[in-house]
Amino acid sequence: AGRPLGRGHGFPLRLVAPDRRGFEWVKWVTRVHVNTTSALLQPPLPLQ
């Protein structure tokens, strides 16, 4: 906290999702998909 965000950690934007474990946070947003399905029914992000 309080330090610049470098490329290796998602610069210029890092998406932090509340109630998600840190390894599920997104460092590089490549696309956004919006739908009307409840988030509770969606599977977690794939680990790559």
PDB file of N, CA and C in Angstrom:
ATOM      1  N   ALA A   1       0.841  -1.190   0.000  1.00  0.00           N
ATOM      2  CA  ALA A   1       0.000   0.000   0.000  1.00  0.00           C
ATOM      3  C   ALA A   1       0.880   1.245   0.000  1.00  0.00           C
ATOM      4  N   GLY A   2       0.486   2.221  -0.769  1.00  0.00           N
ATOM      5  CA  GLY A   2       1.217   3.473  -0.792  1.00  0.00           C
ATOM      6  C   GLY A   2       2.417   3.493  -1.726  1.00  0.00           C
ATOM      7  N   ARG A   3       2.617   2.418  -2.515  1.00  0.00           N
ATOM      8  CA  ARG A   3       3.742   2.369  -3.452  1.00  0.00           C
ATOM      9  C   ARG A   3       3.205   2.277  -4.871  1.00  0.00           C
ATOM     10  N   PRO A   4       3.990   2.762  -5.849  1.00  0.00           N
ATOM     11  CA  PRO A   4       3.549   2.661  -7.244  1.00  0.00           C
ATOM     12  C   PRO A   4       3.359   1.196  -7.650  1.00  0.00           C
ATOM     13  N   LEU A   5       2.415   0.950  -8.533  1.00  0.00           N
ATOM     14  CA  LEU A   5       2.116  -0.390  -9.026  1.00  0.00           C
ATOM     15  C   LEU A   5       2.930  -0.636 -10.288  1.00  0.00           C
ATOM     16  N   GLY A   6       3.815  -1.626 -10.263  1.00  0.00           N
ATOM     17  CA  GLY A   6       4.665  -1.925 -11.417  1.00  0.00           C
ATOM     18  C   GLY A   6       3.973  -2.847 -12.412  1.00  0.00           C
ATOM     19  N   ARG A   7       4.579  -3.019 -13.599  1.00  0.00           N
ATOM     20  CA  ARG A   7       4.005  -3.882 -14.642  1.00  0.00           C
ATOM     21  C   ARG A   7       3.821  -5.323 -14.178  1.00  0.00           C
ATOM     22  N   GLY A   8       4.735  -5.838 -13.393  1.00  0.00           N
ATOM     23  CA  GLY A   8       4.641  -7.208 -12.912  1.00  0.00           C
ATOM     24  C   GLY A   8       3.494  -7.448 -11.953  1.00  0.00           C
ATOM     25  N   HIS A   9       2.900  -6.371 -11.476  1.00  0.00           N
ATOM     26  CA  HIS A   9       1.788  -6.488 -10.535  1.00  0.00           C
ATOM     27  C   HIS A   9       0.509  -5.864 -11.067  1.00  0.00           C
ATOM     28  N   GLY A  10       0.414  -5.720 -12.391  1.00  0.00           N
ATOM     29  CA  GLY A  10      -0.836  -5.298 -12.996  1.00  0.00           C
ATOM     30  C   GLY A  10      -0.941  -3.855 -13.456  1.00  0.00           C
ATOM     31  N   PHE A  11       0.147  -3.066 -13.409  1.00  0.00           N
ATOM     32  CA  PHE A  11       0.090  -1.669 -13.862  1.00  0.00           C
ATOM     33  C   PHE A  11      -0.543  -1.593 -15.242  1.00  0.00           C
ATOM     34  N   PRO A  12      -1.405  -0.673 -15.579  1.00  0.00           N
ATOM     35  CA  PRO A  12      -1.823   0.482 -14.793  1.00  0.00           C
ATOM     36  C   PRO A  12      -3.051   0.226 -13.913  1.00  0.00           C
ATOM     37  N   LEU A  13      -3.635  -0.967 -13.982  1.00  0.00           N
ATOM     38  CA  LEU A  13      -4.852  -1.239 -13.209  1.00  0.00           C
ATOM     39  C   LEU A  13      -4.817  -2.659 -12.689  1.00  0.00           C
ATOM     40  N   ARG A  14      -5.114  -2.830 -11.420  1.00  0.00           N
ATOM     41  CA  ARG A  14      -5.234  -4.179 -10.858  1.00  0.00           C
ATOM     42  C   ARG A  14      -6.610  -4.280 -10.217  1.00  0.00           C
ATOM     43  N   LEU A  15      -7.355  -5.290 -10.632  1.00  0.00           N
ATOM     44  CA  LEU A  15      -8.707  -5.497 -10.120  1.00  0.00           C
ATOM     45  C   LEU A  15      -8.642  -6.386  -8.892  1.00  0.00           C
ATOM     46  N   VAL A  16      -9.115  -5.871  -7.760  1.00  0.00           N
ATOM     47  CA  VAL A  16      -9.163  -6.640  -6.520  1.00  0.00           C
ATOM     48  C   VAL A  16     -10.621  -6.910  -6.218  1.00  0.00           C
ATOM     49  N   ALA A  17     -10.979  -8.185  -6.152  1.00  0.00           N
ATOM     50  CA  ALA A  17     -12.369  -8.579  -5.929  1.00  0.00           C
ATOM     51  C   ALA A  17     -12.587  -8.919  -4.460  1.00  0.00           C
ATOM     52  N   PRO A  18     -13.478  -8.198  -3.775  1.00  0.00           N
ATOM     53  CA  PRO A  18     -13.772  -8.508  -2.374  1.00  0.00           C
ATOM     54  C   PRO A  18     -14.265  -9.947  -2.227  1.00  0.00           C
ATOM     55  N   ASP A  19     -13.947 -10.565  -1.114  1.00  0.00           N
ATOM     56  CA  ASP A  19     -14.355 -11.936  -0.791  1.00  0.00           C
ATOM     57  C   ASP A  19     -13.728 -12.979  -1.708  1.00  0.00           C
ATOM     58  N   ARG A  20     -12.677 -12.646  -2.431  1.00  0.00           N
ATOM     59  CA  ARG A  20     -11.935 -13.605  -3.259  1.00  0.00           C
ATOM     60  C   ARG A  20     -10.534 -13.737  -2.671  1.00  0.00           C
ATOM     61  N   ARG A  21      -9.991 -14.933  -2.725  1.00  0.00           N
ATOM     62  CA  ARG A  21      -8.619 -15.132  -2.257  1.00  0.00           C
ATOM     63  C   ARG A  21      -7.663 -14.422  -3.208  1.00  0.00           C
ATOM     64  N   GLY A  22      -6.510 -14.024  -2.690  1.00  0.00           N
ATOM     65  CA  GLY A  22      -5.557 -13.239  -3.470  1.00  0.00           C
ATOM     66  C   GLY A  22      -5.143 -13.856  -4.787  1.00  0.00           C
ATOM     67  N   PHE A  23      -5.012 -15.196  -4.855  1.00  0.00           N
ATOM     68  CA  PHE A  23      -4.583 -15.802  -6.116  1.00  0.00           C
ATOM     69  C   PHE A  23      -5.670 -15.747  -7.175  1.00  0.00           C
ATOM     70  N   GLU A  24      -6.888 -15.342  -6.808  1.00  0.00           N
ATOM     71  CA  GLU A  24      -7.964 -15.189  -7.790  1.00  0.00           C
ATOM     72  C   GLU A  24      -8.096 -13.740  -8.272  1.00  0.00           C
ATOM     73  N   TRP A  25      -7.310 -12.827  -7.715  1.00  0.00           N
ATOM     74  CA  TRP A  25      -7.359 -11.443  -8.153  1.00  0.00           C
ATOM     75  C   TRP A  25      -6.802 -11.342  -9.562  1.00  0.00           C
ATOM     76  N   VAL A  26      -7.243 -10.354 -10.298  1.00  0.00           N
ATOM     77  CA  VAL A  26      -6.847 -10.206 -11.697  1.00  0.00           C
ATOM     78  C   VAL A  26      -5.740  -9.166 -11.820  1.00  0.00           C
ATOM     79  N   LYS A  27      -4.618  -9.546 -12.443  1.00  0.00           N
ATOM     80  CA  LYS A  27      -3.522  -8.603 -12.660  1.00  0.00           C
ATOM     81  C   LYS A  27      -3.652  -7.903 -14.002  1.00  0.00           C
ATOM     82  N   TRP A  28      -4.067  -8.616 -15.028  1.00  0.00           N
ATOM     83  CA  TRP A  28      -4.157  -8.045 -16.365  1.00  0.00           C
ATOM     84  C   TRP A  28      -5.567  -8.254 -16.901  1.00  0.00           C
ATOM     85  N   VAL A  29      -6.331  -7.178 -16.968  1.00  0.00           N
ATOM     86  CA  VAL A  29      -7.694  -7.253 -17.498  1.00  0.00           C
ATOM     87  C   VAL A  29      -7.594  -7.212 -19.017  1.00  0.00           C
ATOM     88  N   THR A  30      -7.973  -8.308 -19.682  1.00  0.00           N
ATOM     89  CA  THR A  30      -7.899  -8.366 -21.140  1.00  0.00           C
ATOM     90  C   THR A  30      -9.272  -8.245 -21.779  1.00  0.00           C
ATOM     91  N   ARG A  31     -10.321  -8.555 -21.017  1.00  0.00           N
ATOM     92  CA  ARG A  31     -11.679  -8.375 -21.528  1.00  0.00           C
ATOM     93  C   ARG A  31     -12.636  -8.338 -20.348  1.00  0.00           C
ATOM     94  N   VAL A  32     -13.810  -7.763 -20.578  1.00  0.00           N
ATOM     95  CA  VAL A  32     -14.857  -7.685 -19.562  1.00  0.00           C
ATOM     96  C   VAL A  32     -16.119  -8.258 -20.168  1.00  0.00           C
ATOM     97  N   HIS A  33     -16.724  -9.214 -19.487  1.00  0.00           N
ATOM     98  CA  HIS A  33     -17.962  -9.846 -19.956  1.00  0.00           C
ATOM     99  C   HIS A  33     -19.051  -9.525 -18.940  1.00  0.00           C
ATOM    100  N   VAL A  34     -20.112  -8.869 -19.386  1.00  0.00           N
ATOM    101  CA  VAL A  34     -21.220  -8.487 -18.511  1.00  0.00           C
ATOM    102  C   VAL A  34     -22.430  -9.335 -18.863  1.00  0.00           C
ATOM    103  N   ASN A  35     -23.059  -9.913 -17.828  1.00  0.00           N
ATOM    104  CA  ASN A  35     -24.281 -10.681 -18.064  1.00  0.00           C
ATOM    105  C   ASN A  35     -25.231 -10.509 -16.883  1.00  0.00           C
ATOM    106  N   THR A  36     -26.370 -11.161 -16.932  1.00  0.00           N
ATOM    107  CA  THR A  36     -27.374 -11.014 -15.874  1.00  0.00           C
ATOM    108  C   THR A  36     -27.410 -12.210 -14.929  1.00  0.00           C
ATOM    109  N   THR A  37     -26.475 -13.152 -15.073  1.00  0.00           N
ATOM    110  CA  THR A  37     -26.413 -14.319 -14.198  1.00  0.00           C
ATOM    111  C   THR A  37     -25.881 -13.918 -12.825  1.00  0.00           C
ATOM    112  N   SER A  38     -26.445 -14.492 -11.791  1.00  0.00           N
ATOM    113  CA  SER A  38     -25.977 -14.216 -10.442  1.00  0.00           C
ATOM    114  C   SER A  38     -24.524 -14.646 -10.298  1.00  0.00           C
ATOM    115  N   ALA A  39     -23.713 -13.812  -9.679  1.00  0.00           N
ATOM    116  CA  ALA A  39     -22.294 -14.121  -9.503  1.00  0.00           C
ATOM    117  C   ALA A  39     -22.094 -15.375  -8.659  1.00  0.00           C
ATOM    118  N   LEU A  40     -23.043 -15.714  -7.814  1.00  0.00           N
ATOM    119  CA  LEU A  40     -22.910 -16.898  -6.971  1.00  0.00           C
ATOM    120  C   LEU A  40     -22.964 -18.182  -7.788  1.00  0.00           C
ATOM    121  N   LEU A  41     -23.513 -18.121  -8.998  1.00  0.00           N
ATOM    122  CA  LEU A  41     -23.637 -19.309  -9.829  1.00  0.00           C
ATOM    123  C   LEU A  41     -22.495 -19.463 -10.823  1.00  0.00           C
ATOM    124  N   GLN A  42     -21.626 -18.470 -10.919  1.00  0.00           N
ATOM    125  CA  GLN A  42     -20.535 -18.515 -11.882  1.00  0.00           C
ATOM    126  C   GLN A  42     -19.322 -19.206 -11.274  1.00  0.00           C
ATOM    127  N   PRO A  43     -18.584 -19.993 -12.067  1.00  0.00           N
ATOM    128  CA  PRO A  43     -17.378 -20.650 -11.548  1.00  0.00           C
ATOM    129  C   PRO A  43     -16.279 -19.618 -11.304  1.00  0.00           C
ATOM    130  N   PRO A  44     -15.285 -19.951 -10.473  1.00  0.00           N
ATOM    131  CA  PRO A  44     -14.172 -19.017 -10.245  1.00  0.00           C
ATOM    132  C   PRO A  44     -13.341 -18.851 -11.511  1.00  0.00           C
ATOM    133  N   LEU A  45     -12.508 -17.837 -11.522  1.00  0.00           N
ATOM    134  CA  LEU A  45     -11.631 -17.588 -12.662  1.00  0.00           C
ATOM    135  C   LEU A  45     -10.681 -18.768 -12.845  1.00  0.00           C
ATOM    136  N   PRO A  46     -10.347 -19.124 -14.075  1.00  0.00           N
ATOM    137  CA  PRO A  46      -9.409 -20.238 -14.284  1.00  0.00           C
ATOM    138  C   PRO A  46      -7.997 -19.854 -13.849  1.00  0.00           C
ATOM    139  N   LEU A  47      -7.286 -20.794 -13.283  1.00  0.00           N
ATOM    140  CA  LEU A  47      -5.891 -20.556 -12.905  1.00  0.00           C
ATOM    141  C   LEU A  47      -5.018 -20.841 -14.105  1.00  0.00           C
ATOM    142  N   GLN A  48      -4.205 -19.859 -14.500  1.00  0.00           N
ATOM    143  CA  GLN A  48      -3.342 -20.042 -15.668  1.00  0.00           C
ATOM    144  C   GLN A  48      -1.901 -19.845 -15.282  1.00  0.00           C
TER     145      GLN A  48
END
